[in-house]
Amino acid sequence: MDTVFIRGLQVETVIGIFEWERRIRQRVRIDLEMHADVARAAATDAIDDALDYKAIGKRIIAFVGESEFQLVETLAEHVAALVRKEFGVSWLRLTASKPGALRGADDVGVTIERGTQGSS
């Protein structure tokens, strides 16, 4: 199985557990790997035969931008479920993070895997 990926997708959203975090928008970063069979798209050179990463990215931006989760874990779970359901992705690995959220660290977050590897 092949992998289609989106790295470093940044979205402003309301996220956090503290009262001050609920009043501002913060940047989150999404990295996404999705299993897909790209052979047909490669053969036809047609977007209709491909996993459309632009459409996926736009959908994630809209969803995350409108969300107001407290935990990055919850955000990751909901984005993964959305991608699997709306785009027919059988397996994905998603990292959701909050750059600069912890003093002394570049980034903090969570990586989850959902679905079955090797399935189409």
N, C-alpha and C. Protein backbone atom coordinates (compact mmCIF):
# COMPACT_ATOMS: atom_id res chain seq x y z
N MET A 1 0.85 -1.18 0.00
CA MET A 1 0.00 0.00 0.00
C MET A 1 0.89 1.23 0.00
N ASP A 2 0.45 2.24 -0.71
CA ASP A 2 1.19 3.49 -0.83
C ASP A 2 0.73 4.46 0.25
N THR A 3 1.47 5.54 0.40
CA THR A 3 1.13 6.55 1.41
C THR A 3 1.02 7.91 0.76
N VAL A 4 -0.10 8.57 1.02
CA VAL A 4 -0.30 9.96 0.64
C VAL A 4 -0.18 10.75 1.94
N PHE A 5 0.55 11.87 1.92
CA PHE A 5 0.75 12.59 3.17
C PHE A 5 0.53 14.09 3.03
N ILE A 6 0.21 14.68 4.17
CA ILE A 6 0.14 16.13 4.34
C ILE A 6 0.99 16.43 5.57
N ARG A 7 1.96 17.32 5.44
CA ARG A 7 2.83 17.65 6.57
C ARG A 7 2.78 19.14 6.86
N GLY A 8 2.69 19.44 8.13
CA GLY A 8 2.80 20.83 8.57
C GLY A 8 1.59 21.70 8.27
N LEU A 9 0.40 21.11 8.21
CA LEU A 9 -0.82 21.88 7.98
C LEU A 9 -1.12 22.67 9.26
N GLN A 10 -1.12 23.99 9.16
CA GLN A 10 -1.31 24.83 10.33
C GLN A 10 -2.65 25.53 10.28
N VAL A 11 -3.35 25.47 11.42
CA VAL A 11 -4.70 26.03 11.51
C VAL A 11 -4.83 26.77 12.84
N GLU A 12 -5.48 27.92 12.81
CA GLU A 12 -5.78 28.67 14.03
C GLU A 12 -7.13 28.18 14.56
N THR A 13 -7.17 27.89 15.88
CA THR A 13 -8.38 27.36 16.49
C THR A 13 -8.40 27.68 17.98
N VAL A 14 -9.54 27.44 18.60
CA VAL A 14 -9.64 27.52 20.05
C VAL A 14 -9.33 26.13 20.58
N ILE A 15 -8.27 26.04 21.41
CA ILE A 15 -7.90 24.75 21.99
C ILE A 15 -7.18 25.01 23.30
N GLY A 16 -7.50 24.20 24.29
CA GLY A 16 -6.83 24.32 25.58
C GLY A 16 -7.79 24.16 26.73
N ILE A 17 -7.20 23.93 27.90
CA ILE A 17 -8.00 23.68 29.10
C ILE A 17 -8.11 24.89 30.01
N PHE A 18 -7.23 25.86 29.82
CA PHE A 18 -7.22 27.03 30.70
C PHE A 18 -8.19 28.09 30.19
N GLU A 19 -8.73 28.87 31.14
CA GLU A 19 -9.71 29.90 30.79
C GLU A 19 -9.15 30.87 29.75
N TRP A 20 -7.90 31.27 29.90
CA TRP A 20 -7.32 32.22 28.94
C TRP A 20 -7.22 31.61 27.55
N GLU A 21 -7.04 30.27 27.47
CA GLU A 21 -6.95 29.61 26.17
C GLU A 21 -8.30 29.57 25.46
N ARG A 22 -9.37 29.61 26.22
CA ARG A 22 -10.71 29.54 25.65
C ARG A 22 -11.11 30.88 25.02
N ARG A 23 -10.33 31.94 25.31
CA ARG A 23 -10.64 33.28 24.79
C ARG A 23 -9.80 33.67 23.59
N ILE A 24 -8.85 32.82 23.20
CA ILE A 24 -7.96 33.16 22.08
C ILE A 24 -7.93 32.03 21.06
N ARG A 25 -7.33 32.31 19.94
CA ARG A 25 -7.10 31.28 18.92
C ARG A 25 -5.61 30.96 18.94
N GLN A 26 -5.30 29.68 18.89
CA GLN A 26 -3.93 29.21 18.89
C GLN A 26 -3.66 28.39 17.63
N ARG A 27 -2.41 28.32 17.28
CA ARG A 27 -2.02 27.54 16.10
C ARG A 27 -1.83 26.08 16.49
N VAL A 28 -2.45 25.20 15.70
CA VAL A 28 -2.19 23.76 15.81
C VAL A 28 -1.59 23.31 14.49
N ARG A 29 -0.85 22.23 14.58
CA ARG A 29 -0.20 21.67 13.39
C ARG A 29 -0.69 20.25 13.22
N ILE A 30 -1.02 19.90 11.98
CA ILE A 30 -1.49 18.55 11.64
C ILE A 30 -0.53 17.94 10.63
N ASP A 31 -0.06 16.74 10.94
CA ASP A 31 0.70 15.91 10.00
C ASP A 31 -0.13 14.65 9.79
N LEU A 32 -0.30 14.25 8.55
CA LEU A 32 -1.21 13.16 8.23
C LEU A 32 -0.59 12.24 7.18
N GLU A 33 -0.59 10.94 7.46
CA GLU A 33 -0.21 9.92 6.49
C GLU A 33 -1.41 9.02 6.28
N MET A 34 -1.74 8.73 5.02
CA MET A 34 -2.92 7.93 4.70
C MET A 34 -2.54 6.85 3.69
N HIS A 35 -2.98 5.63 3.96
CA HIS A 35 -2.76 4.56 2.98
C HIS A 35 -3.72 4.73 1.82
N ALA A 36 -3.18 4.58 0.64
CA ALA A 36 -3.98 4.66 -0.59
C ALA A 36 -3.23 3.91 -1.68
N ASP A 37 -3.95 3.33 -2.58
CA ASP A 37 -3.35 2.70 -3.74
C ASP A 37 -3.27 3.76 -4.83
N VAL A 38 -2.07 4.22 -5.13
CA VAL A 38 -1.92 5.30 -6.11
C VAL A 38 -1.69 4.80 -7.53
N ALA A 39 -1.68 3.49 -7.74
CA ALA A 39 -1.36 2.94 -9.06
C ALA A 39 -2.35 3.40 -10.13
N ARG A 40 -3.63 3.37 -9.83
CA ARG A 40 -4.62 3.78 -10.84
C ARG A 40 -4.46 5.26 -11.19
N ALA A 41 -4.30 6.11 -10.17
CA ALA A 41 -4.12 7.54 -10.42
C ALA A 41 -2.85 7.78 -11.23
N ALA A 42 -1.80 7.03 -10.93
CA ALA A 42 -0.55 7.18 -11.68
C ALA A 42 -0.73 6.77 -13.14
N ALA A 43 -1.54 5.75 -13.36
CA ALA A 43 -1.76 5.26 -14.72
C ALA A 43 -2.65 6.20 -15.53
N THR A 44 -3.68 6.76 -14.88
CA THR A 44 -4.63 7.59 -15.62
C THR A 44 -4.29 9.08 -15.58
N ASP A 45 -3.49 9.48 -14.60
CA ASP A 45 -3.14 10.88 -14.40
C ASP A 45 -4.39 11.73 -14.18
N ALA A 46 -5.39 11.12 -13.51
CA ALA A 46 -6.67 11.80 -13.28
C ALA A 46 -6.92 11.96 -11.78
N ILE A 47 -7.28 13.16 -11.37
CA ILE A 47 -7.54 13.44 -9.96
C ILE A 47 -8.69 12.59 -9.42
N ASP A 48 -9.63 12.22 -10.26
CA ASP A 48 -10.76 11.39 -9.82
C ASP A 48 -10.30 10.01 -9.36
N ASP A 49 -9.12 9.59 -9.77
CA ASP A 49 -8.59 8.29 -9.37
C ASP A 49 -7.59 8.41 -8.22
N ALA A 50 -7.42 9.61 -7.69
CA ALA A 50 -6.43 9.85 -6.64
C ALA A 50 -7.12 10.17 -5.32
N LEU A 51 -6.38 10.03 -4.23
CA LEU A 51 -6.81 10.52 -2.93
C LEU A 51 -6.47 12.02 -2.94
N ASP A 52 -7.47 12.86 -2.99
CA ASP A 52 -7.32 14.29 -3.23
C ASP A 52 -6.85 15.01 -1.96
N TYR A 53 -5.54 15.15 -1.82
CA TYR A 53 -4.99 15.77 -0.61
C TYR A 53 -5.40 17.23 -0.46
N LYS A 54 -5.66 17.92 -1.57
CA LYS A 54 -6.12 19.30 -1.46
C LYS A 54 -7.51 19.36 -0.82
N ALA A 55 -8.41 18.49 -1.26
CA ALA A 55 -9.75 18.45 -0.68
C ALA A 55 -9.70 18.05 0.79
N ILE A 56 -8.84 17.10 1.11
CA ILE A 56 -8.69 16.67 2.50
C ILE A 56 -8.16 17.82 3.34
N GLY A 57 -7.13 18.50 2.86
CA GLY A 57 -6.56 19.62 3.59
C GLY A 57 -7.57 20.73 3.83
N LYS A 58 -8.34 21.07 2.79
CA LYS A 58 -9.35 22.12 2.94
C LYS A 58 -10.42 21.72 3.96
N ARG A 59 -10.80 20.46 3.95
CA ARG A 59 -11.82 19.99 4.90
C ARG A 59 -11.29 20.03 6.34
N ILE A 60 -10.03 19.63 6.52
CA ILE A 60 -9.43 19.68 7.85
C ILE A 60 -9.32 21.13 8.33
N ILE A 61 -8.89 22.03 7.47
CA ILE A 61 -8.78 23.44 7.84
C ILE A 61 -10.13 23.99 8.29
N ALA A 62 -11.18 23.69 7.55
CA ALA A 62 -12.52 24.17 7.91
C ALA A 62 -12.97 23.57 9.24
N PHE A 63 -12.79 22.26 9.41
CA PHE A 63 -13.24 21.59 10.63
C PHE A 63 -12.48 22.09 11.85
N VAL A 64 -11.16 22.09 11.77
CA VAL A 64 -10.34 22.49 12.92
C VAL A 64 -10.56 23.98 13.23
N GLY A 65 -10.66 24.80 12.20
CA GLY A 65 -10.87 26.23 12.41
C GLY A 65 -12.15 26.56 13.14
N GLU A 66 -13.16 25.70 12.99
CA GLU A 66 -14.45 25.92 13.66
C GLU A 66 -14.56 25.19 14.99
N SER A 67 -13.61 24.32 15.30
CA SER A 67 -13.70 23.50 16.52
C SER A 67 -13.27 24.29 17.75
N GLU A 68 -13.64 23.78 18.91
CA GLU A 68 -13.25 24.37 20.20
C GLU A 68 -12.99 23.27 21.21
N PHE A 69 -12.07 22.36 20.90
CA PHE A 69 -11.75 21.27 21.80
C PHE A 69 -10.84 21.75 22.91
N GLN A 70 -10.86 21.02 24.02
CA GLN A 70 -9.96 21.31 25.12
C GLN A 70 -8.63 20.59 24.93
N LEU A 71 -8.68 19.35 24.49
CA LEU A 71 -7.49 18.52 24.40
C LEU A 71 -7.08 18.29 22.95
N VAL A 72 -5.77 18.28 22.71
CA VAL A 72 -5.25 17.96 21.38
C VAL A 72 -5.58 16.51 21.03
N GLU A 73 -5.70 15.65 22.03
CA GLU A 73 -6.08 14.25 21.80
C GLU A 73 -7.48 14.15 21.19
N THR A 74 -8.39 14.96 21.70
CA THR A 74 -9.76 14.96 21.18
C THR A 74 -9.79 15.49 19.75
N LEU A 75 -9.05 16.56 19.52
CA LEU A 75 -8.93 17.10 18.17
C LEU A 75 -8.42 16.05 17.20
N ALA A 76 -7.36 15.35 17.57
CA ALA A 76 -6.78 14.32 16.70
C ALA A 76 -7.79 13.22 16.40
N GLU A 77 -8.49 12.77 17.39
CA GLU A 77 -9.47 11.70 17.21
C GLU A 77 -10.57 12.10 16.25
N HIS A 78 -11.08 13.32 16.40
CA HIS A 78 -12.16 13.78 15.53
C HIS A 78 -11.70 14.00 14.09
N VAL A 79 -10.50 14.54 13.92
CA VAL A 79 -9.98 14.74 12.56
C VAL A 79 -9.76 13.38 11.89
N ALA A 80 -9.20 12.42 12.62
CA ALA A 80 -8.98 11.09 12.05
C ALA A 80 -10.31 10.46 11.62
N ALA A 81 -11.31 10.55 12.46
CA ALA A 81 -12.62 9.97 12.12
C ALA A 81 -13.21 10.65 10.89
N LEU A 82 -13.07 11.97 10.80
CA LEU A 82 -13.59 12.71 9.65
C LEU A 82 -12.91 12.26 8.36
N VAL A 83 -11.60 12.16 8.36
CA VAL A 83 -10.86 11.76 7.15
C VAL A 83 -11.22 10.34 6.74
N ARG A 84 -11.31 9.44 7.71
CA ARG A 84 -11.64 8.05 7.37
C ARG A 84 -13.04 7.96 6.79
N LYS A 85 -14.00 8.64 7.41
CA LYS A 85 -15.39 8.55 6.97
C LYS A 85 -15.63 9.28 5.64
N GLU A 86 -15.21 10.53 5.55
CA GLU A 86 -15.55 11.35 4.39
C GLU A 86 -14.71 11.05 3.15
N PHE A 87 -13.50 10.49 3.35
CA PHE A 87 -12.61 10.27 2.20
C PHE A 87 -12.27 8.79 1.99
N GLY A 88 -12.91 7.91 2.77
CA GLY A 88 -12.74 6.48 2.57
C GLY A 88 -11.33 5.97 2.82
N VAL A 89 -10.62 6.58 3.75
CA VAL A 89 -9.25 6.18 4.07
C VAL A 89 -9.30 5.01 5.05
N SER A 90 -8.67 3.90 4.69
CA SER A 90 -8.72 2.70 5.52
C SER A 90 -7.77 2.76 6.72
N TRP A 91 -6.63 3.43 6.55
CA TRP A 91 -5.65 3.55 7.63
C TRP A 91 -4.99 4.92 7.56
N LEU A 92 -4.76 5.51 8.73
CA LEU A 92 -4.03 6.77 8.78
C LEU A 92 -3.23 6.88 10.06
N ARG A 93 -2.22 7.69 9.97
CA ARG A 93 -1.43 8.11 11.14
C ARG A 93 -1.52 9.63 11.16
N LEU A 94 -1.97 10.17 12.29
CA LEU A 94 -2.18 11.61 12.41
C LEU A 94 -1.45 12.14 13.63
N THR A 95 -0.71 13.22 13.44
CA THR A 95 -0.08 13.92 14.55
C THR A 95 -0.74 15.29 14.64
N ALA A 96 -1.23 15.62 15.83
CA ALA A 96 -1.78 16.94 16.11
C ALA A 96 -0.93 17.55 17.22
N SER A 97 -0.48 18.78 17.02
CA SER A 97 0.40 19.37 18.00
C SER A 97 0.14 20.86 18.17
N LYS A 98 0.64 21.37 19.30
CA LYS A 98 0.55 22.79 19.63
C LYS A 98 1.98 23.33 19.75
N PRO A 99 2.50 23.90 18.67
CA PRO A 99 3.86 24.46 18.73
C PRO A 99 3.96 25.54 19.80
N GLY A 100 5.03 25.48 20.58
CA GLY A 100 5.27 26.50 21.59
C GLY A 100 4.42 26.42 22.83
N ALA A 101 3.66 25.34 23.01
CA ALA A 101 2.77 25.24 24.17
C ALA A 101 3.50 24.95 25.48
N LEU A 102 4.71 24.45 25.38
CA LEU A 102 5.47 24.08 26.57
C LEU A 102 6.83 24.77 26.52
N ARG A 103 7.09 25.58 27.54
CA ARG A 103 8.38 26.29 27.59
C ARG A 103 9.53 25.29 27.51
N GLY A 104 10.46 25.59 26.63
CA GLY A 104 11.63 24.74 26.46
C GLY A 104 11.47 23.67 25.40
N ALA A 105 10.25 23.53 24.86
CA ALA A 105 10.00 22.52 23.82
C ALA A 105 9.52 23.23 22.55
N ASP A 106 9.93 22.72 21.41
CA ASP A 106 9.46 23.27 20.15
C ASP A 106 7.99 22.97 19.91
N ASP A 107 7.55 21.81 20.37
CA ASP A 107 6.23 21.32 19.99
C ASP A 107 5.79 20.25 20.98
N VAL A 108 4.50 20.15 21.23
CA VAL A 108 3.92 19.06 22.02
C VAL A 108 2.66 18.58 21.32
N GLY A 109 2.36 17.31 21.45
CA GLY A 109 1.15 16.81 20.80
C GLY A 109 1.01 15.32 20.95
N VAL A 110 0.24 14.74 20.04
CA VAL A 110 -0.08 13.33 20.08
C VAL A 110 -0.08 12.77 18.66
N THR A 111 0.34 11.52 18.54
CA THR A 111 0.25 10.79 17.27
C THR A 111 -0.65 9.60 17.47
N ILE A 112 -1.65 9.45 16.60
CA ILE A 112 -2.56 8.31 16.67
C ILE A 112 -2.56 7.58 15.33
N GLU A 113 -2.88 6.31 15.38
CA GLU A 113 -3.09 5.51 14.17
C GLU A 113 -4.49 4.92 14.27
N ARG A 114 -5.22 4.98 13.17
CA ARG A 114 -6.57 4.42 13.13
C ARG A 114 -6.73 3.62 11.85
N GLY A 115 -7.48 2.52 11.94
CA GLY A 115 -7.75 1.69 10.79
C GLY A 115 -6.84 0.51 10.70
N THR A 116 -6.90 -0.17 9.55
CA THR A 116 -6.14 -1.37 9.32
C THR A 116 -5.15 -1.14 8.20
N GLN A 117 -3.88 -1.38 8.51
CA GLN A 117 -2.84 -1.22 7.48
C GLN A 117 -2.99 -2.31 6.42
N GLY A 118 -2.69 -1.93 5.20
CA GLY A 118 -2.72 -2.88 4.10
C GLY A 118 -4.07 -3.08 3.45
N SER A 119 -5.10 -2.46 4.02
CA SER A 119 -6.44 -2.54 3.41
C SER A 119 -6.61 -1.41 2.42
N SER A 120 -7.47 -1.62 1.45
CA SER A 120 -7.77 -0.52 0.54
C SER A 120 -9.11 0.07 0.87
